Amino acid sequence: MNVKWQALRQRWAAADLGPPRAPRYEILTAWRGLACLFVAVYHSVCAGYGLAFPHGPGNLAILLVVIRRLWIGVPIFFVISGYCVTASADAARRRSKPGPRFFWRRFRRIYPPYWVWLSVAGLLIWLEFSIDPAFFQAAFVPDPHAFTGWQWLGNFTLTETWRPHFVRGVQSELLSQSWTLCYEEQFYAVVGVALILAPRFLFKALALVTAAVAALLVFPPVSFSAAGSFLDGRWLMFAAGILVYYALNYMPVRSVGWACVPLGFGILCAAARPEYLLKAKVNEPNQSYLCAFCFALLLMGLRRWDKALTQTRWLRPLNYCGEMCYSLYLVHWPVVTVVSWAFNQLGFRNPFAVFFLGVPSCLAVAIGLARLFHKLVERRFWNPGYASSARSSAKDRKAADVDLDRA
């Protein structure tokens, strides 16, 4: 009996990979800021002017084509979350009760600020629909008066993308960008369950989930619909971030290049149907996968210059936005909708006016309000370790146990 117990303990201990080499990836703050600005610019044009905004002359036509695809900030966010949340889970699994600890930190970080802004924006949208319903209807904002109890529950719990699979009704998000948060919460849930069931086998468990999602994507069951859930394939974008974290922190340095193989294979699969890559449809899956896997490869290659890049001055504006990216991501949608639609109604439809007056105005108002929301609301729900590290020196922060996921 003792021999079997000793063998079991040895196998269990062998599953521990040891401490990660360098879990912090500082440049991700700037990447978060850039991704958030991408989405804000995209909504600044498309919310007020629509995807059918007329083409401008010369280079402006090319710029419009680029802006219509700035939703690529979303797959970039997913990859970053894959890295940062995995880093948090990896730190939590070395402590007692890793699952509950992880869930509480994620809940505290995401839900309270979201509820505050959902209440504020929901009340304003509800009042506007009561006074002039044509304004927000033209900007593709749903009427809160028409929401059912289940739709309110789906919005409140960030389950609206997959709620219709269990309760009949049409999917409708009051805050348009909240659909991405629904996928984020599913990712957190899967990682948290893995921490509870198999903390020492965390990466194996996540690899198994990734293989299952890939299999469902390649061989979808005939009578099975995974739309709105992580099983629809969007998990693979989070998995790209997980792979980057594992490769940079646990794989032998000489073998890190092998982690690029599955990412390269994913890029080839995404590019296998070029007709999908040319579509202007928002969030075309092949385009999302292509962007996510290419970005993951970029993160693998840039790691050696992380320290040098974070010290460059030109990244300061992006770091500024990245530090408050969750606030900016939350508040920007109704703000840029109002500002851009107002510019449209006032007759500022010339491409030059849009790019050099409308979009900067949208960003200025959104960033200003996000900064206020960040100071008054979001910072109050930062996890204690991360909140204290924000006031500590760079040297202290490296040694602190902080929440690596600020998005």
Protein backbone atom coordinates (compact mmCIF):
# COMPACT_ATOMS: atom_id res chain seq x y z
CA MET A 1 0.00 0.00 0.00
CA ASN A 2 2.82 2.40 0.90
CA VAL A 3 4.58 1.63 -2.38
CA LYS A 4 1.47 2.49 -4.38
CA TRP A 5 0.98 5.66 -2.37
CA GLN A 6 4.59 6.73 -2.94
CA ALA A 7 4.25 6.06 -6.68
CA LEU A 8 1.04 8.10 -6.79
CA ARG A 9 2.72 10.99 -4.98
CA GLN A 10 5.65 10.93 -7.39
CA ARG A 11 3.35 11.03 -10.39
CA TRP A 12 1.39 13.86 -8.79
CA ALA A 13 4.55 15.85 -8.04
CA ALA A 14 5.81 15.29 -11.57
CA ALA A 15 2.79 17.17 -12.87
CA ASP A 16 4.06 20.37 -11.23
CA LEU A 17 5.97 22.32 -13.85
CA GLY A 18 7.77 24.49 -11.35
CA PRO A 19 7.67 28.30 -11.33
CA PRO A 20 7.22 30.12 -14.65
CA ARG A 21 10.27 31.85 -16.09
CA ALA A 22 8.78 35.34 -16.50
CA PRO A 23 4.98 35.49 -16.44
CA ARG A 24 4.71 39.26 -16.73
CA TYR A 25 4.59 40.59 -20.28
CA GLU A 26 4.59 44.36 -19.84
CA ILE A 27 4.02 45.33 -23.47
CA LEU A 28 0.55 43.75 -23.29
CA THR A 29 -0.69 46.92 -21.59
CA ALA A 30 0.10 48.91 -24.73
CA TRP A 31 -1.43 46.21 -26.92
CA ARG A 32 -4.63 46.38 -24.86
CA GLY A 33 -4.74 50.12 -25.36
CA LEU A 34 -4.23 49.78 -29.11
CA ALA A 35 -6.88 47.07 -29.43
CA CYS A 36 -9.37 49.17 -27.50
CA LEU A 37 -8.68 52.20 -29.67
CA PHE A 38 -9.17 50.04 -32.77
CA VAL A 39 -12.65 49.09 -31.60
CA ALA A 40 -13.48 52.67 -30.55
CA VAL A 41 -12.47 54.06 -33.97
CA TYR A 42 -14.44 51.33 -35.71
CA HIS A 43 -17.57 52.18 -33.74
CA SER A 44 -16.97 55.92 -34.13
CA VAL A 45 -17.45 55.58 -37.88
CA CYS A 46 -19.84 52.66 -38.12
CA ALA A 47 -22.22 53.66 -35.31
CA GLY A 48 -23.01 57.08 -36.69
CA TYR A 49 -22.44 56.56 -40.40
CA GLY A 50 -22.95 52.86 -40.90
CA LEU A 51 -20.86 50.28 -42.70
CA ALA A 52 -22.14 51.70 -45.99
CA PHE A 53 -20.32 54.99 -45.45
CA PRO A 54 -19.41 56.31 -48.93
CA HIS A 55 -15.90 55.84 -50.20
CA GLY A 56 -13.65 58.85 -50.16
CA PRO A 57 -11.14 59.86 -52.80
CA GLY A 58 -7.71 58.29 -53.14
CA ASN A 59 -6.10 57.24 -49.90
CA LEU A 60 -9.27 57.91 -47.92
CA ALA A 61 -10.94 55.00 -49.70
CA ILE A 62 -8.15 52.72 -48.48
CA LEU A 63 -8.45 54.18 -44.99
CA LEU A 64 -12.17 53.43 -44.94
CA VAL A 65 -11.51 49.85 -45.90
CA VAL A 66 -9.05 49.59 -43.02
CA ILE A 67 -11.47 51.18 -40.53
CA ARG A 68 -14.19 48.69 -41.47
CA ARG A 69 -11.85 45.97 -40.23
CA LEU A 70 -10.67 47.55 -37.01
CA TRP A 71 -12.93 45.14 -35.14
CA ILE A 72 -9.76 43.02 -35.21
CA GLY A 73 -9.19 44.61 -31.82
CA VAL A 74 -11.57 41.96 -30.47
CA PRO A 75 -9.48 38.87 -31.43
CA ILE A 76 -6.42 40.74 -30.17
CA PHE A 77 -8.21 41.18 -26.84
CA PHE A 78 -9.05 37.47 -26.76
CA VAL A 79 -5.41 36.46 -27.26
CA ILE A 80 -4.26 38.88 -24.56
CA SER A 81 -6.89 37.55 -22.16
CA GLY A 82 -5.73 34.02 -22.94
CA TYR A 83 -2.22 34.96 -21.84
CA CYS A 84 -3.09 37.11 -18.82
CA VAL A 85 -5.85 34.93 -17.36
CA THR A 86 -3.66 31.85 -17.75
CA ALA A 87 -0.92 33.68 -15.87
CA SER A 88 -3.37 34.46 -13.07
CA ALA A 89 -4.63 30.89 -12.97
CA ASP A 90 -1.08 29.55 -13.00
CA ALA A 91 -0.28 31.66 -9.93
CA ALA A 92 -3.53 30.69 -8.19
CA ARG A 93 -3.05 26.94 -8.67
CA ARG A 94 -0.02 27.00 -6.36
CA ARG A 95 -2.16 28.16 -3.45
CA SER A 96 -4.93 26.65 -1.40
CA LYS A 97 -8.44 26.74 -2.87
CA PRO A 98 -7.27 27.99 -6.28
CA GLY A 99 -10.69 27.68 -7.94
CA PRO A 100 -12.71 29.83 -5.50
CA ARG A 101 -9.87 32.35 -5.31
CA PHE A 102 -9.71 32.62 -9.10
CA PHE A 103 -13.49 32.96 -9.49
CA TRP A 104 -13.72 35.66 -6.84
CA ARG A 105 -10.94 37.72 -8.38
CA ARG A 106 -12.48 37.49 -11.85
CA PHE A 107 -15.96 38.29 -10.54
CA ARG A 108 -14.72 41.29 -8.58
CA ARG A 109 -12.73 42.56 -11.55
CA ILE A 110 -15.43 42.31 -14.22
CA TYR A 111 -18.99 42.33 -12.93
CA PRO A 112 -19.34 45.32 -10.55
CA PRO A 113 -17.97 47.91 -13.03
CA TYR A 114 -20.08 46.34 -15.77
CA TRP A 115 -23.23 46.51 -13.65
CA VAL A 116 -22.59 50.15 -12.81
CA TRP A 117 -22.18 51.15 -16.45
CA LEU A 118 -25.06 48.93 -17.62
CA SER A 119 -27.32 50.69 -15.12
CA VAL A 120 -26.17 54.18 -16.12
CA ALA A 121 -26.23 53.59 -19.88
CA GLY A 122 -29.42 51.54 -19.68
CA LEU A 123 -31.24 54.33 -17.85
CA LEU A 124 -30.08 56.97 -20.34
CA ILE A 125 -31.01 54.82 -23.34
CA TRP A 126 -34.38 54.01 -21.77
CA LEU A 127 -35.10 57.73 -21.25
CA GLU A 128 -34.00 58.59 -24.78
CA PHE A 129 -36.28 55.94 -26.26
CA SER A 130 -39.12 57.37 -24.20
CA ILE A 131 -38.50 60.85 -25.64
CA ASP A 132 -37.23 60.23 -29.18
CA PRO A 133 -37.04 56.54 -30.18
CA ALA A 134 -35.82 57.34 -33.70
CA PHE A 135 -32.41 58.51 -32.49
CA PHE A 136 -31.00 55.27 -31.11
CA GLN A 137 -33.01 53.07 -33.48
CA ALA A 138 -31.14 54.62 -36.38
CA ALA A 139 -27.87 53.86 -34.60
CA PHE A 140 -28.80 50.16 -34.16
CA VAL A 141 -29.31 50.38 -30.39
CA PRO A 142 -32.09 48.05 -29.15
CA ASP A 143 -35.15 49.46 -27.40
CA PRO A 144 -34.91 48.57 -23.69
CA HIS A 145 -38.70 48.93 -23.39
CA ALA A 146 -39.06 45.82 -25.56
CA PHE A 147 -36.65 43.67 -23.53
CA THR A 148 -38.06 40.56 -21.95
CA GLY A 149 -37.15 39.44 -18.45
CA TRP A 150 -34.88 36.75 -19.91
CA GLN A 151 -33.08 39.31 -22.09
CA TRP A 152 -32.47 41.54 -19.06
CA LEU A 153 -31.18 38.52 -17.14
CA GLY A 154 -28.89 37.59 -20.04
CA ASN A 155 -27.51 41.13 -20.17
CA PHE A 156 -27.13 41.33 -16.41
CA THR A 157 -25.27 38.00 -16.14
CA LEU A 158 -23.31 38.29 -19.41
CA THR A 159 -24.91 35.13 -20.75
CA GLU A 160 -26.98 36.70 -23.51
CA THR A 161 -24.97 35.17 -26.38
CA TRP A 162 -25.84 31.58 -25.37
CA ARG A 163 -29.02 32.12 -23.32
CA PRO A 164 -31.34 31.59 -26.37
CA HIS A 165 -30.14 27.98 -26.56
CA PHE A 166 -31.90 27.27 -23.27
CA VAL A 167 -34.65 29.91 -23.13
CA ARG A 168 -36.46 30.90 -26.28
CA GLY A 169 -36.08 34.45 -27.42
CA VAL A 170 -33.97 36.70 -29.60
CA GLN A 171 -30.45 37.58 -28.53
CA SER A 172 -30.15 41.29 -27.82
CA GLU A 173 -27.37 43.19 -26.02
CA LEU A 174 -28.15 46.64 -24.69
CA LEU A 175 -24.43 47.43 -24.79
CA SER A 176 -23.38 46.21 -28.21
CA GLN A 177 -19.83 45.33 -27.19
CA SER A 178 -20.96 43.16 -24.26
CA TRP A 179 -21.14 40.09 -26.51
CA THR A 180 -17.35 39.85 -26.24
CA LEU A 181 -17.59 39.93 -22.44
CA CYS A 182 -19.94 36.94 -22.65
CA TYR A 183 -17.13 34.97 -24.29
CA GLU A 184 -14.65 36.29 -21.74
CA GLU A 185 -16.84 35.01 -18.88
CA GLN A 186 -17.12 31.59 -20.50
CA PHE A 187 -13.33 31.47 -20.78
CA TYR A 188 -12.98 32.39 -17.11
CA ALA A 189 -15.52 29.71 -16.19
CA VAL A 190 -13.69 26.94 -18.04
CA VAL A 191 -10.33 27.95 -16.55
CA GLY A 192 -11.86 28.15 -13.06
CA VAL A 193 -13.42 24.70 -13.34
CA ALA A 194 -10.07 23.31 -14.51
CA LEU A 195 -8.45 24.87 -11.43
CA ILE A 196 -10.98 23.16 -9.18
CA LEU A 197 -10.85 19.73 -10.82
CA ALA A 198 -7.20 19.46 -11.84
CA PRO A 199 -5.01 22.37 -10.66
CA ARG A 200 -1.76 20.49 -11.26
CA PHE A 201 -2.88 19.44 -14.71
CA LEU A 202 -4.17 22.89 -15.70
CA PHE A 203 -2.43 23.08 -19.07
CA LYS A 204 -3.35 19.52 -20.00
CA ALA A 205 -6.98 20.23 -19.16
CA LEU A 206 -7.01 23.40 -21.26
CA ALA A 207 -5.30 21.55 -24.12
CA LEU A 208 -8.02 18.91 -23.96
CA VAL A 209 -10.73 21.58 -24.17
CA THR A 210 -8.92 23.16 -27.12
CA ALA A 211 -8.75 19.82 -28.95
CA ALA A 212 -12.48 19.25 -28.32
CA VAL A 213 -13.41 22.70 -29.66
CA ALA A 214 -11.22 22.19 -32.73
CA ALA A 215 -12.86 18.82 -33.36
CA LEU A 216 -16.34 20.36 -33.13
CA LEU A 217 -15.27 23.09 -35.54
CA VAL A 218 -13.97 20.61 -38.10
CA PHE A 219 -16.68 17.97 -37.60
CA PRO A 220 -19.80 19.83 -36.38
CA PRO A 221 -22.72 17.60 -35.36
CA VAL A 222 -25.69 17.96 -37.68
CA SER A 223 -28.25 18.86 -35.00
CA PHE A 224 -25.93 20.82 -32.72
CA SER A 225 -25.66 24.62 -32.60
CA ALA A 226 -22.85 26.16 -30.58
CA ALA A 227 -23.43 29.75 -31.69
CA GLY A 228 -22.73 32.19 -28.89
CA SER A 229 -20.79 29.71 -26.75
CA PHE A 230 -17.05 29.08 -26.60
CA LEU A 231 -17.71 25.82 -28.47
CA ASP A 232 -18.39 27.79 -31.66
CA GLY A 233 -14.63 28.13 -32.18
CA ARG A 234 -13.79 31.43 -30.50
CA TRP A 235 -12.13 29.48 -27.71
CA LEU A 236 -9.25 28.91 -30.13
CA MET A 237 -8.35 32.61 -29.96
CA PHE A 238 -8.06 32.40 -26.17
CA ALA A 239 -6.13 29.15 -26.62
CA ALA A 240 -3.57 31.01 -28.76
CA GLY A 241 -2.83 33.21 -25.74
CA ILE A 242 -2.62 30.14 -23.49
CA LEU A 243 -0.08 28.61 -25.88
CA VAL A 244 2.03 31.78 -25.89
CA TYR A 245 2.11 31.82 -22.09
CA TYR A 246 3.02 28.15 -21.83
CA ALA A 247 5.70 28.35 -24.52
CA LEU A 248 7.40 31.44 -23.08
CA ASN A 249 7.33 30.24 -19.48
CA TYR A 250 7.61 26.45 -19.48
CA MET A 251 8.91 25.12 -22.78
CA PRO A 252 12.71 24.78 -23.12
CA VAL A 253 14.05 27.91 -24.77
CA ARG A 254 15.40 25.94 -27.72
CA SER A 255 12.02 24.30 -28.25
CA VAL A 256 9.84 27.43 -28.14
CA GLY A 257 9.80 27.51 -31.92
CA TRP A 258 7.74 24.32 -31.95
CA ALA A 259 4.88 26.26 -30.36
CA CYS A 260 4.68 28.28 -33.57
CA VAL A 261 3.71 25.16 -35.53
CA PRO A 262 0.05 24.97 -34.39
CA LEU A 263 -0.27 28.75 -34.81
CA GLY A 264 1.11 28.50 -38.33
CA PHE A 265 -1.23 25.63 -39.10
CA GLY A 266 -4.15 27.72 -37.83
CA ILE A 267 -3.12 30.60 -40.08
CA LEU A 268 -3.02 28.28 -43.09
CA CYS A 269 -6.47 26.90 -42.26
CA ALA A 270 -7.90 30.41 -41.81
CA ALA A 271 -6.39 31.54 -45.13
CA ALA A 272 -7.48 28.41 -47.00
CA ARG A 273 -10.71 30.13 -48.08
CA PRO A 274 -9.58 33.56 -49.35
CA GLU A 275 -13.13 34.50 -50.32
CA TYR A 276 -13.97 34.72 -46.61
CA LEU A 277 -10.97 36.94 -45.94
CA LEU A 278 -12.17 39.52 -48.46
CA LYS A 279 -15.64 39.90 -46.95
CA ALA A 280 -16.47 43.11 -45.11
CA LYS A 281 -18.81 41.22 -42.79
CA VAL A 282 -18.14 42.06 -39.17
CA ASN A 283 -16.23 39.34 -37.32
CA GLU A 284 -15.99 36.92 -40.20
CA PRO A 285 -14.57 33.85 -38.36
CA ASN A 286 -11.72 33.24 -40.79
CA GLN A 287 -10.56 36.83 -40.43
CA SER A 288 -10.77 36.62 -36.63
CA TYR A 289 -8.73 33.41 -36.51
CA LEU A 290 -6.17 34.79 -38.93
CA CYS A 291 -5.74 37.95 -36.86
CA ALA A 292 -5.56 36.08 -33.54
CA PHE A 293 -3.00 33.51 -34.65
CA CYS A 294 -0.81 36.11 -36.38
CA PHE A 295 -0.91 38.28 -33.26
CA ALA A 296 0.04 35.29 -31.10
CA LEU A 297 3.05 34.67 -33.33
CA LEU A 298 3.96 38.34 -33.03
CA LEU A 299 3.87 38.09 -29.23
CA MET A 300 6.18 35.08 -29.37
CA GLY A 301 8.70 37.01 -31.43
CA LEU A 302 8.55 40.29 -29.51
CA ARG A 303 9.14 38.84 -26.04
CA ARG A 304 12.90 39.35 -26.13
CA TRP A 305 12.40 43.11 -26.66
CA ASP A 306 9.68 43.48 -24.02
CA LYS A 307 11.76 45.58 -21.63
CA ALA A 308 13.13 47.86 -24.35
CA LEU A 309 9.71 48.43 -25.92
CA THR A 310 8.01 49.29 -22.64
CA GLN A 311 10.53 52.08 -22.05
CA THR A 312 9.86 53.88 -25.34
CA ARG A 313 8.03 57.20 -25.10
CA TRP A 314 5.78 56.65 -28.08
CA LEU A 315 4.01 53.86 -26.21
CA ARG A 316 2.91 56.11 -23.37
CA PRO A 317 -0.45 57.07 -24.95
CA LEU A 318 -1.19 53.39 -25.57
CA ASN A 319 -0.17 52.48 -22.02
CA TYR A 320 -2.44 55.24 -20.76
CA CYS A 321 -5.39 53.72 -22.61
CA GLY A 322 -4.29 50.18 -21.76
CA GLU A 323 -4.30 50.83 -18.01
CA MET A 324 -7.96 51.83 -18.18
CA CYS A 325 -8.90 49.67 -21.17
CA TYR A 326 -11.82 47.96 -19.42
CA SER A 327 -13.41 51.32 -18.61
CA LEU A 328 -12.77 52.58 -22.13
CA TYR A 329 -14.19 49.40 -23.63
CA LEU A 330 -17.31 49.63 -21.47
CA VAL A 331 -18.19 53.29 -21.94
CA HIS A 332 -17.13 53.99 -25.51
CA TRP A 333 -20.04 52.38 -27.36
CA PRO A 334 -22.99 54.61 -26.39
CA VAL A 335 -20.69 57.65 -26.22
CA VAL A 336 -19.29 57.39 -29.74
CA THR A 337 -22.76 56.45 -30.99
CA VAL A 338 -24.19 59.74 -29.73
CA VAL A 339 -21.26 61.89 -30.87
CA SER A 340 -20.86 60.35 -34.33
CA TRP A 341 -24.61 60.34 -34.98
CA ALA A 342 -24.77 64.00 -33.96
CA PHE A 343 -21.99 64.81 -36.46
CA ASN A 344 -23.88 62.92 -39.11
CA GLN A 345 -27.11 64.79 -38.44
CA LEU A 346 -25.30 68.13 -38.48
CA GLY A 347 -24.14 67.37 -42.01
CA PHE A 348 -20.49 66.47 -41.35
CA ARG A 349 -20.47 63.64 -43.87
CA ASN A 350 -17.41 64.61 -45.86
CA PRO A 351 -14.65 61.99 -45.40
CA PHE A 352 -12.21 64.68 -44.31
CA ALA A 353 -14.65 65.94 -41.68
CA VAL A 354 -15.22 62.41 -40.42
CA PHE A 355 -11.54 61.49 -40.08
CA PHE A 356 -10.16 64.80 -38.85
CA LEU A 357 -13.08 66.08 -36.78
CA GLY A 358 -15.65 63.37 -36.06
CA VAL A 359 -13.39 60.48 -35.05
CA PRO A 360 -11.04 62.60 -32.89
CA SER A 361 -14.07 64.11 -31.13
CA CYS A 362 -15.49 60.65 -30.46
CA LEU A 363 -12.19 59.44 -29.04
CA ALA A 364 -11.67 62.55 -26.92
CA VAL A 365 -15.10 62.29 -25.30
CA ALA A 366 -14.85 58.50 -24.83
CA ILE A 367 -11.35 58.63 -23.31
CA GLY A 368 -12.30 61.50 -21.01
CA LEU A 369 -15.41 59.74 -19.73
CA ALA A 370 -13.54 56.44 -19.45
CA ARG A 371 -10.87 58.09 -17.32
CA LEU A 372 -13.54 59.46 -14.99
CA PHE A 373 -15.25 56.06 -14.80
CA HIS A 374 -11.90 54.39 -14.21
CA LYS A 375 -11.08 56.61 -11.24
CA LEU A 376 -14.53 56.64 -9.67
CA VAL A 377 -15.63 53.05 -10.31
CA GLU A 378 -13.22 50.56 -11.87
CA ARG A 379 -10.25 51.18 -9.56
CA ARG A 380 -12.43 50.44 -6.53
CA PHE A 381 -12.83 46.87 -7.75
CA TRP A 382 -9.24 46.13 -8.62
CA ASN A 383 -7.94 43.13 -6.78
CA PRO A 384 -5.96 44.10 -3.65
CA GLY A 385 -2.61 42.81 -4.90
CA TYR A 386 -2.84 44.67 -8.19
CA ALA A 387 -4.19 47.85 -6.59
CA SER A 388 -1.24 48.03 -4.22
CA SER A 389 1.22 47.26 -7.01
CA ALA A 390 -0.05 50.25 -8.97
CA ARG A 391 1.48 52.43 -6.26
CA SER A 392 4.70 50.46 -5.90
CA SER A 393 7.96 50.68 -7.77
CA ALA A 394 8.72 48.58 -10.81
CA LYS A 395 11.05 46.42 -8.74
CA ASP A 396 8.37 45.81 -6.12
CA ARG A 397 5.78 44.97 -8.74
CA LYS A 398 7.89 42.12 -10.10
CA ALA A 399 7.87 40.49 -6.68
CA ALA A 400 4.24 41.24 -5.88
CA ASP A 401 1.44 38.72 -6.31
CA VAL A 402 -0.74 40.76 -8.62
CA ASP A 403 -3.63 40.06 -10.91
CA LEU A 404 -2.09 39.97 -14.37
CA ASP A 405 -5.40 40.36 -16.19
CA ARG A 406 -6.24 44.06 -16.21
CA ALA A 407 -8.51 43.81 -19.27
